[in-house]
Protein backbone atom coordinates (compact mmCIF):
# COMPACT_ATOMS: atom_id res chain seq x y z
CA MET A 1 80.56 0.83 16.13
CA THR A 2 80.45 3.43 18.86
CA PRO A 3 83.94 3.61 20.35
CA PHE A 4 84.40 3.80 24.04
CA ARG A 5 87.14 4.05 26.54
CA LEU A 6 87.54 1.52 29.27
CA ASN A 7 87.25 2.42 32.94
CA PRO A 8 90.49 1.76 34.84
CA SER A 9 88.78 0.72 38.06
CA PHE A 10 91.81 -1.24 39.04
CA VAL A 11 91.45 -2.30 42.64
CA ALA A 12 93.24 -4.26 45.35
CA HIS A 13 94.61 -7.62 44.30
CA SER A 14 93.39 -10.82 45.95
CA SER A 15 94.59 -14.38 46.18
CA VAL A 16 94.03 -15.24 42.53
CA LEU A 17 97.70 -14.46 41.90
CA THR A 18 99.60 -15.98 44.80
CA LEU A 19 102.81 -14.34 43.65
CA LEU A 20 101.84 -10.99 42.18
CA LEU A 21 98.32 -9.85 41.42
CA ALA A 22 94.83 -11.15 41.90
CA ALA A 23 91.33 -10.31 40.97
CA CYS A 24 89.33 -7.76 42.82
CA SER A 25 85.94 -6.22 42.43
CA PRO A 26 85.02 -2.55 42.32
CA ALA A 27 82.06 -1.42 44.36
CA SER A 28 79.25 0.05 42.40
CA GLY A 29 80.08 3.55 41.21
CA ASP A 30 78.20 6.78 40.90
CA ALA A 31 76.68 7.67 37.57
CA ASP A 32 78.78 10.01 35.46
CA GLY A 33 78.34 11.34 31.95
CA THR A 34 75.35 12.33 29.92
CA GLY A 35 74.43 9.13 28.23
CA GLY A 36 73.91 6.64 31.04
CA THR A 37 75.64 3.33 31.23
CA THR A 38 75.30 2.27 27.64
CA GLY A 39 76.62 -1.22 27.22
CA GLY A 40 78.59 -1.06 30.42
CA VAL A 41 78.40 -3.05 33.57
CA THR A 42 79.26 -2.10 37.11
CA ALA A 43 80.87 -4.73 39.23
CA THR A 44 79.01 -5.10 42.47
CA GLY A 45 81.08 -7.37 44.54
CA GLY A 46 84.11 -9.54 44.83
CA SER A 47 86.88 -10.51 47.12
CA ILE A 48 89.42 -8.23 48.71
CA SER A 49 92.92 -9.37 49.49
CA THR A 50 94.04 -9.36 53.09
CA GLY A 51 95.86 -6.20 53.85
CA GLY A 52 94.44 -4.16 51.01
CA THR A 53 91.54 -1.86 50.48
CA VAL A 54 89.58 -1.25 47.37
CA SER A 55 88.82 2.09 45.78
CA THR A 56 85.29 2.41 44.55
CA GLY A 57 84.52 2.64 40.88
CA GLY A 58 82.81 0.93 38.00
CA PHE A 59 82.92 0.04 34.37
CA ALA A 60 81.16 1.90 31.63
CA THR A 61 81.38 2.24 27.89
CA GLY A 62 81.64 5.98 28.06
CA GLY A 63 85.09 6.53 29.49
CA PHE A 64 87.92 5.66 31.79
CA SER A 65 87.88 6.23 35.51
CA THR A 66 91.19 6.82 37.17
CA GLY A 67 90.69 5.05 40.46
CA GLY A 68 93.37 2.76 41.73
CA LEU A 69 94.21 0.31 44.42
CA THR A 70 95.76 0.42 47.83
CA ASN A 71 97.97 -2.52 48.64
CA THR A 72 99.20 -2.17 52.16
CA GLY A 73 101.25 -5.30 51.96
CA GLY A 74 103.01 -4.19 48.80
CA LEU A 75 102.88 -5.62 45.31
CA ALA A 76 106.24 -6.80 44.13
CA SER A 77 106.75 -7.88 40.54
CA THR A 78 110.01 -8.78 38.91
CA GLY A 79 110.90 -5.98 36.55
CA GLY A 80 107.77 -4.18 37.60
CA VAL A 81 106.79 -2.08 40.55
CA THR A 82 106.49 -2.49 44.28
CA SER A 83 103.57 -0.86 45.97
CA THR A 84 104.11 0.01 49.59
CA GLY A 85 100.82 1.36 50.62
CA GLY A 86 99.02 4.59 50.58
CA SER A 87 95.55 5.64 49.76
CA SER A 88 93.63 4.75 46.68
CA ALA A 89 93.09 7.27 43.93
CA THR A 90 89.69 8.84 44.07
CA GLY A 91 89.49 10.88 40.97
CA GLY A 92 91.20 12.64 38.21
CA SER A 93 90.73 13.20 34.56
CA SER A 94 92.86 13.99 31.57
CA ALA A 95 94.02 17.56 31.28
CA THR A 96 91.94 19.66 28.97
CA GLY A 97 93.78 22.92 28.86
CA GLY A 98 96.89 24.18 27.20
CA SER A 99 98.21 23.92 23.71
CA THR A 100 100.15 21.36 21.76
CA SER A 101 103.80 22.10 21.34
CA THR A 102 106.40 20.58 19.10
CA GLY A 103 109.96 19.73 19.72
CA GLY A 104 111.05 18.32 23.02
CA SER A 105 114.16 17.49 24.89
CA SER A 106 116.38 14.56 24.18
CA ALA A 107 117.74 12.14 26.73
CA THR A 108 121.28 11.00 26.11
CA GLY A 109 121.21 8.22 23.58
CA GLY A 110 117.62 8.71 22.54
CA SER A 111 115.54 11.35 20.89
CA SER A 112 112.31 12.71 22.28
CA SER A 113 109.22 14.17 20.73
CA THR A 114 106.56 16.21 22.38
CA GLY A 115 103.03 17.14 21.67
CA GLY A 116 99.86 15.46 20.68
CA VAL A 117 98.14 14.31 17.56
CA THR A 118 94.97 16.13 16.75
CA SER A 119 92.15 13.75 16.05
CA THR A 120 90.42 14.24 12.74
CA GLY A 121 87.62 11.76 12.89
CA GLY A 122 87.05 10.58 16.40
CA SER A 123 83.92 11.10 18.35
CA SER A 124 83.53 11.63 22.04
CA ALA A 125 81.69 9.12 24.12
CA THR A 126 78.66 10.72 25.67
CA GLY A 127 77.76 8.48 28.51
CA GLY A 128 78.63 5.60 30.72
CA GLY A 129 78.62 5.13 34.40
CA GLY A 130 81.73 6.58 35.93
CA GLY A 131 82.83 5.13 39.21
CA LYS A 132 84.01 7.17 42.12
CA GLY A 133 87.47 6.35 40.88
CA GLY A 134 87.24 9.28 38.46
CA LYS A 135 85.62 10.69 35.37
CA GLY A 136 86.25 9.17 32.01
CA GLY A 137 88.08 10.99 29.29
CA GLY A 138 86.32 11.67 26.02
CA GLY A 139 86.24 10.00 22.70
CA ASN A 140 88.01 7.49 20.56
CA ALA A 141 91.35 7.74 18.93
CA GLY A 142 91.10 8.76 15.33
CA ALA A 143 94.34 10.71 15.20
CA SER A 144 95.68 12.04 11.95
CA SER A 145 99.42 11.70 12.35
CA GLY A 146 101.90 9.56 14.11
CA GLY A 147 105.40 8.24 14.34
CA SER A 148 108.09 8.82 11.78
CA THR A 149 110.81 6.31 10.99
CA GLY A 150 114.26 6.91 12.28
CA GLY A 151 113.73 10.35 13.75
CA THR A 152 111.64 12.61 15.92
CA SER A 153 108.03 13.57 15.35
CA ALA A 154 105.78 16.09 17.04
CA GLY A 155 103.18 14.16 18.98
CA GLY A 156 104.35 10.73 17.93
CA ALA A 157 106.80 8.05 18.83
CA ALA A 158 109.65 8.10 16.37
CA THR A 159 110.96 4.67 15.51
CA GLY A 160 114.52 3.62 15.08
CA GLY A 161 114.12 2.43 11.51
CA THR A 162 112.53 -0.73 10.21
CA GLY A 163 115.43 -2.16 8.29
CA GLY A 164 113.06 -3.14 5.48
CA MET A 165 109.90 -5.19 5.34
CA ALA A 166 110.30 -8.90 5.90
CA ALA A 167 108.81 -11.31 3.40
CA SER A 168 105.43 -12.78 4.24
CA ASP A 169 105.30 -16.23 5.78
CA LYS A 170 101.86 -17.56 4.93
CA SER A 171 99.94 -19.68 7.41
CA ALA A 172 98.23 -23.00 6.66
CA GLY A 173 94.89 -21.22 6.18
CA CYS A 174 96.02 -19.44 3.01
CA GLY A 175 94.24 -20.59 -0.12
CA LYS A 176 91.43 -22.48 1.58
CA ALA A 177 88.01 -21.81 3.01
CA PRO A 178 87.82 -21.46 6.80
CA THR A 179 86.03 -24.08 8.82
CA ILE A 180 85.00 -21.50 11.43
CA ALA A 181 81.49 -20.48 10.39
CA SER A 182 81.09 -16.89 9.18
CA GLY A 183 78.41 -16.36 11.82
CA MET A 184 81.06 -16.79 14.52
CA TYR A 185 83.15 -13.73 13.73
CA ASN A 186 82.77 -9.96 13.12
CA ASN A 187 79.74 -9.81 15.41
CA GLY A 188 81.05 -10.29 18.95
CA SER A 189 80.27 -14.01 19.14
CA THR A 190 82.57 -16.00 21.39
CA ILE A 191 84.44 -18.96 19.94
CA SER A 192 85.04 -21.86 22.33
CA ILE A 193 88.41 -23.56 22.37
CA THR A 194 89.77 -26.34 24.61
CA VAL A 195 93.11 -25.58 26.24
CA GLY A 196 94.71 -27.88 28.76
CA GLY A 197 91.41 -29.68 29.29
CA ALA A 198 89.56 -26.43 30.07
CA GLN A 199 87.02 -24.59 27.96
CA ARG A 200 88.31 -21.14 27.06
CA ARG A 201 87.07 -18.63 24.49
CA TYR A 202 87.99 -15.70 22.28
CA ILE A 203 86.37 -13.19 19.90
CA LEU A 204 87.48 -12.83 16.29
CA ASN A 205 87.31 -10.12 13.64
CA VAL A 206 88.31 -10.73 10.02
CA PRO A 207 88.54 -8.07 7.26
CA THR A 208 85.17 -7.64 5.59
CA ASN A 209 86.80 -8.08 2.18
CA TYR A 210 88.83 -11.09 3.29
CA ASP A 211 90.80 -12.80 0.50
CA ASN A 212 92.20 -16.22 1.41
CA THR A 213 95.16 -15.74 -0.95
CA LYS A 214 96.37 -12.62 0.87
CA PRO A 215 98.30 -12.89 4.15
CA TYR A 216 97.00 -10.53 6.86
CA LYS A 217 98.51 -9.10 10.01
CA LEU A 218 97.16 -10.58 13.25
CA ILE A 219 96.75 -8.48 16.43
CA ILE A 220 96.02 -10.05 19.82
CA ALA A 221 94.23 -7.63 22.20
CA TYR A 222 94.42 -8.57 25.88
CA HIS A 223 91.84 -6.95 28.16
CA GLN A 224 92.61 -5.30 31.49
CA LEU A 225 91.65 -6.48 34.98
CA ASP A 226 87.84 -6.53 35.30
CA GLY A 227 87.54 -6.57 31.50
CA ASN A 228 86.83 -9.37 29.06
CA ASP A 229 86.75 -10.29 25.38
CA LYS A 230 83.35 -8.66 24.98
CA GLN A 231 84.81 -5.35 26.08
CA MET A 232 87.67 -5.64 23.60
CA TYR A 233 85.18 -6.21 20.80
CA ALA A 234 83.06 -3.26 21.96
CA ASN A 235 85.98 -0.83 21.87
CA GLY A 236 87.39 -2.08 18.57
CA TYR A 237 90.41 -3.85 20.06
CA TYR A 238 91.83 -0.70 21.67
CA HIS A 239 90.46 1.32 18.74
CA LEU A 240 92.85 -0.32 16.25
CA LEU A 241 90.12 -2.02 14.21
CA ASN A 242 88.89 1.25 12.70
CA LEU A 243 92.46 2.30 11.90
CA SER A 244 93.39 -0.96 10.18
CA GLY A 245 91.64 -0.44 6.85
CA ASN A 246 90.70 -4.11 6.42
CA SER A 247 94.37 -5.11 6.60
CA THR A 248 94.33 -7.04 9.86
CA ILE A 249 92.73 -9.97 11.69
CA PHE A 250 92.00 -9.28 15.37
CA VAL A 251 91.50 -11.67 18.28
CA ALA A 252 90.53 -10.96 21.88
CA PRO A 253 91.20 -13.92 24.19
CA ASN A 254 89.27 -14.09 27.46
CA GLY A 255 91.12 -14.22 30.79
CA GLN A 256 90.90 -16.08 34.08
CA LYS A 257 89.85 -15.49 37.66
CA ASN A 258 90.17 -17.69 40.72
CA GLY A 259 92.09 -20.21 38.67
CA ALA A 260 89.29 -20.81 36.17
CA ALA A 261 88.20 -19.40 32.84
CA CYS A 262 86.16 -16.21 32.94
CA THR A 263 82.63 -16.89 31.72
CA GLY A 264 80.77 -13.59 32.06
CA THR A 265 78.69 -12.46 29.10
CA GLY A 266 78.47 -8.76 29.93
CA ASN A 267 80.78 -5.92 29.00
CA GLY A 268 83.57 -6.66 31.45
CA GLU A 269 83.75 -9.12 34.34
CA SER A 270 84.87 -8.35 37.86
CA GLY A 271 88.13 -10.08 38.72
CA CYS A 272 88.88 -11.31 35.21
CA GLY A 273 92.58 -10.96 34.40
CA TRP A 274 95.76 -12.68 33.28
CA PRO A 275 97.54 -14.55 36.09
CA ASP A 276 99.99 -16.75 34.26
CA ALA A 277 102.50 -18.19 36.68
CA GLY A 278 101.58 -21.67 35.40
CA GLY A 279 101.44 -20.72 31.72
CA ALA A 280 97.71 -21.43 31.20
CA ASN A 281 97.11 -18.12 29.47
CA LEU A 282 100.19 -18.42 27.30
CA ALA A 283 98.80 -21.82 26.28
CA LEU A 284 95.52 -20.08 25.41
CA ALA A 285 97.39 -17.68 23.13
CA ASP A 286 99.13 -20.65 21.49
CA ALA A 287 95.82 -22.37 20.82
CA VAL A 288 94.04 -19.27 19.54
CA VAL A 289 96.85 -18.36 17.14
CA ALA A 290 97.06 -21.96 15.88
CA GLN A 291 93.31 -22.08 15.20
CA VAL A 292 93.26 -18.72 13.44
CA GLU A 293 96.32 -19.60 11.35
CA GLU A 294 94.71 -22.89 10.32
CA ASN A 295 91.49 -21.22 9.22
CA PHE A 296 92.64 -17.89 7.80
CA CYS A 297 95.54 -16.53 5.80
CA VAL A 298 97.87 -15.00 8.39
CA ASP A 299 101.25 -13.43 7.78
CA LYS A 300 103.23 -15.26 10.45
CA ASN A 301 105.94 -12.60 10.33
CA ARG A 302 103.46 -9.90 11.38
CA ILE A 303 101.71 -11.01 14.55
CA PHE A 304 101.40 -8.40 17.31
CA ALA A 305 100.02 -8.12 20.85
CA THR A 306 98.70 -5.18 22.82
CA GLY A 307 97.00 -4.51 26.13
CA TRP A 308 96.48 -2.16 29.03
CA SER A 309 97.50 -2.77 32.65
CA TYR A 310 96.93 -6.51 33.27
CA GLY A 311 96.54 -6.84 29.50
CA GLY A 312 99.82 -4.99 29.11
CA SER A 313 101.37 -7.47 31.49
CA MET A 314 100.12 -10.35 29.35
CA SER A 315 101.39 -8.62 26.21
CA TYR A 316 104.82 -8.32 27.80
CA ARG A 317 104.70 -11.99 28.80
CA THR A 318 103.75 -12.97 25.25
CA ALA A 319 106.61 -10.97 23.73
CA CYS A 320 109.09 -12.39 26.21
CA SER A 321 107.97 -16.01 25.86
CA ARG A 322 106.81 -16.03 22.23
CA PRO A 323 109.16 -13.81 20.22
CA LEU A 324 109.20 -14.16 16.45
CA GLY A 325 111.95 -16.62 15.57
CA GLY A 326 111.85 -18.29 18.98
CA THR A 327 111.41 -21.96 19.70
CA ALA A 328 107.59 -21.93 19.51
CA SER A 329 105.62 -22.41 16.28
CA TRP A 330 104.68 -18.74 16.28
CA GLY A 331 105.91 -15.46 17.70
CA VAL A 332 105.11 -11.77 17.92
CA ARG A 333 106.91 -9.18 15.81
CA GLY A 334 106.04 -6.32 18.13
CA VAL A 335 103.98 -5.36 21.19
CA ALA A 336 102.36 -2.24 22.63
CA VAL A 337 102.09 -2.12 26.42
CA TYR A 338 99.91 0.56 28.03
CA SER A 339 100.63 1.24 31.72
CA GLY A 340 101.95 -2.26 32.33
CA ALA A 341 103.96 -4.20 34.89
CA GLN A 342 105.31 -7.74 35.02
CA LEU A 343 102.38 -9.50 36.65
CA SER A 344 101.64 -12.49 34.40
CA GLY A 345 104.45 -14.72 35.52
CA THR A 346 108.10 -13.70 35.41
CA CYS A 347 110.15 -13.60 32.24
CA THR A 348 113.33 -11.86 31.08
CA PRO A 349 113.42 -11.23 27.32
CA SER A 350 116.36 -12.72 25.49
CA LYS A 351 115.26 -12.23 21.87
CA SER A 352 114.37 -9.05 20.01
CA VAL A 353 110.76 -7.86 19.76
CA ALA A 354 109.79 -4.35 18.64
CA TYR A 355 108.49 -2.63 21.78
CA TYR A 356 106.18 0.35 22.34
CA GLY A 357 105.38 1.36 25.90
CA SER A 358 103.50 4.23 27.49
CA HIS A 359 102.88 5.19 31.10
CA GLY A 360 101.39 8.06 33.06
CA THR A 361 103.63 9.82 35.55
CA GLY A 362 100.64 10.12 37.86
CA ASP A 363 99.82 6.40 37.80
CA ASN A 364 99.13 5.21 41.36
CA VAL A 365 97.95 1.73 40.34
CA LEU A 366 101.01 0.36 38.56
CA GLY A 367 103.91 2.73 39.10
CA TYR A 368 105.56 4.69 36.31
CA ASP A 369 109.07 3.41 36.99
CA GLY A 370 107.91 -0.17 36.56
CA GLY A 371 106.64 0.65 33.07
CA VAL A 372 109.99 2.21 32.21
CA GLY A 373 111.67 -0.97 33.47
CA LEU A 374 109.74 -3.13 31.02
CA ALA A 375 110.94 -0.97 28.12
CA GLN A 376 114.49 -1.16 29.45
CA ASN A 377 114.34 -4.97 29.46
CA PHE A 378 113.49 -5.03 25.76
CA ALA A 379 115.99 -2.29 24.96
CA LYS A 380 118.66 -4.64 26.27
CA ALA A 381 117.25 -7.60 24.31
CA ASN A 382 117.06 -5.46 21.14
CA GLY A 383 120.64 -4.24 21.46
CA CYS A 384 119.65 -0.61 22.03
CA THR A 385 121.64 2.08 23.78
CA TRP A 386 119.52 2.71 26.85
CA ALA A 387 118.69 6.26 27.86
CA THR A 388 116.15 6.98 30.57
CA PRO A 389 113.09 8.33 28.74
CA THR A 390 112.13 11.96 29.31
CA LYS A 391 109.64 12.08 32.18
CA VAL A 392 106.94 14.72 31.86
CA THR A 393 105.18 16.33 34.79
CA SER A 394 103.00 18.78 32.86
CA GLY A 395 101.92 19.63 29.35
CA ASN A 396 102.11 17.33 26.35
CA HIS A 397 103.30 13.75 26.23
CA VAL A 398 106.90 13.05 25.23
CA CYS A 399 107.95 9.94 23.30
CA THR A 400 111.57 8.80 23.42
CA ASN A 401 112.99 6.29 20.98
CA MET A 402 116.14 4.41 21.87
CA THR A 403 119.09 4.58 19.54
CA GLY A 404 121.38 1.79 18.41
CA CYS A 405 118.65 -0.87 18.35
CA GLY A 406 118.90 -3.80 15.99
CA ALA A 407 117.52 -3.02 12.54
CA GLY A 408 113.74 -3.33 12.61
CA TYR A 409 113.53 -3.67 16.40
CA PRO A 410 112.88 -0.21 17.85
CA VAL A 411 112.03 0.54 21.45
CA ASP A 412 109.76 3.58 21.94
CA PHE A 413 108.46 4.87 25.27
CA CYS A 414 105.89 7.64 25.72
CA SER A 415 105.60 9.50 29.02
CA PHE A 416 102.44 11.47 29.73
CA ASN A 417 101.15 13.61 32.55
CA GLY A 418 98.18 11.52 33.66
CA PRO A 419 96.79 8.59 35.64
CA HIS A 420 96.41 4.87 35.00
CA THR A 421 94.79 4.86 31.57
CA PRO A 422 95.31 3.61 28.02
CA ASP A 423 93.50 6.71 26.75
CA PRO A 424 95.78 9.66 27.62
CA LYS A 425 95.13 13.12 26.21
CA ASP A 426 97.24 16.21 25.92
CA PRO A 427 95.90 19.64 26.88
CA ASN A 428 93.16 20.78 24.49
CA GLN A 429 92.70 17.25 23.11
CA ASN A 430 89.30 15.60 23.17
CA THR A 431 90.61 12.28 21.91
CA SER A 432 93.70 10.29 22.74
CA TRP A 433 96.92 10.48 20.76
CA GLN A 434 97.89 6.94 21.69
CA TYR A 435 96.12 4.52 19.35
CA GLN A 436 97.24 6.14 16.11
CA LEU A 437 100.82 5.93 17.35
CA VAL A 438 100.39 2.24 18.10
CA TRP A 439 98.86 1.57 14.71
CA ASN A 440 101.74 3.39 13.02
CA PHE A 441 104.21 1.45 15.14
CA PHE A 442 102.74 -1.91 14.13
CA ASN A 443 102.13 -0.92 10.51
CA GLN A 444 105.77 -0.06 9.84
CA PHE A 445 106.72 -3.75 9.77
């Protein structure tokens, strides 16, 4: 599968989210890159919220654009960020110069690591239509090193210690043949599922050497605004599929816009996101997990969620509302939130969930401080000693891990000098350091 990096053409929010965020549509963007718009789609229309303007941009399979939104009325989200206006971002790309350094400075109560992970097997995307919002960065994330446990690592998020691996809790699908036909997974086919009387859908990947007696990790990948399940499949579930070594089942649920299920069949869909004030998308996650657990052998103690921007918001909501050991029939052991904010309904975490967050200090779509706030909320829930993470303004990313967290429930936060993207790069890097760190973070449990 040719990896690609999403385009962050996040634009002004409309009335889809009456409280926080709504769908918007990027205008068609200029062509950028050498390979055309392979597999990508450019949104060509949509609604604009009153009081906001939209930056132009587009989706492509070749890279991320860094365009943003202007919200003159302000976007307030509990625990998130308030936007007060300004002009939309019109460009920007990841830094390409400089050298990777090791070491880093430590905030009180937490240790920091600096630097990047050099990719050993990733390839750069060669095409895709870049919107006016900015040029895409290059490549996938096949990094060769990552986080260490209980300490500081160069270029990786150090974790606070796992406290030992928990025993597997096998799902109902263990030891039996699935009733979902084999032609419905591992090929980008959408699986229909009825939730709250509405037809929703998701895409499923199962290890190619699947053994129904072996419990597998399950990762839920939530797409960003203007994305969809097809896009998650195309990029390998934020590039984690290729890192998983046939150890993990992946699902990509599809979002909503204008109060209804997204139905687009292309790579991305304008306005498709995760408004969840009424809990419809949390109910979708419940239904998808239940169906996968019934059909396949899932380790119920090792379910994770990840997502960028609006998908990061939905990941946060899932961790807050569906923690492992909570009152629901399932829960997540850990989450990874890229450039997120609290936009999918409000929730204050009260139970521990391992938390990885990252955010660019130059993010003008969802502000940096809001991303730090999400990590702080889980640091409190996890019993950590909070220390404001090191904030970088140049050079390599810095990852800070909180100290004093409950055994097996670390909180790591990575700050990088860059825009609104899940695909940050350090100087002299062609591929992102992020996804290997996330895989290492999930795989420690």
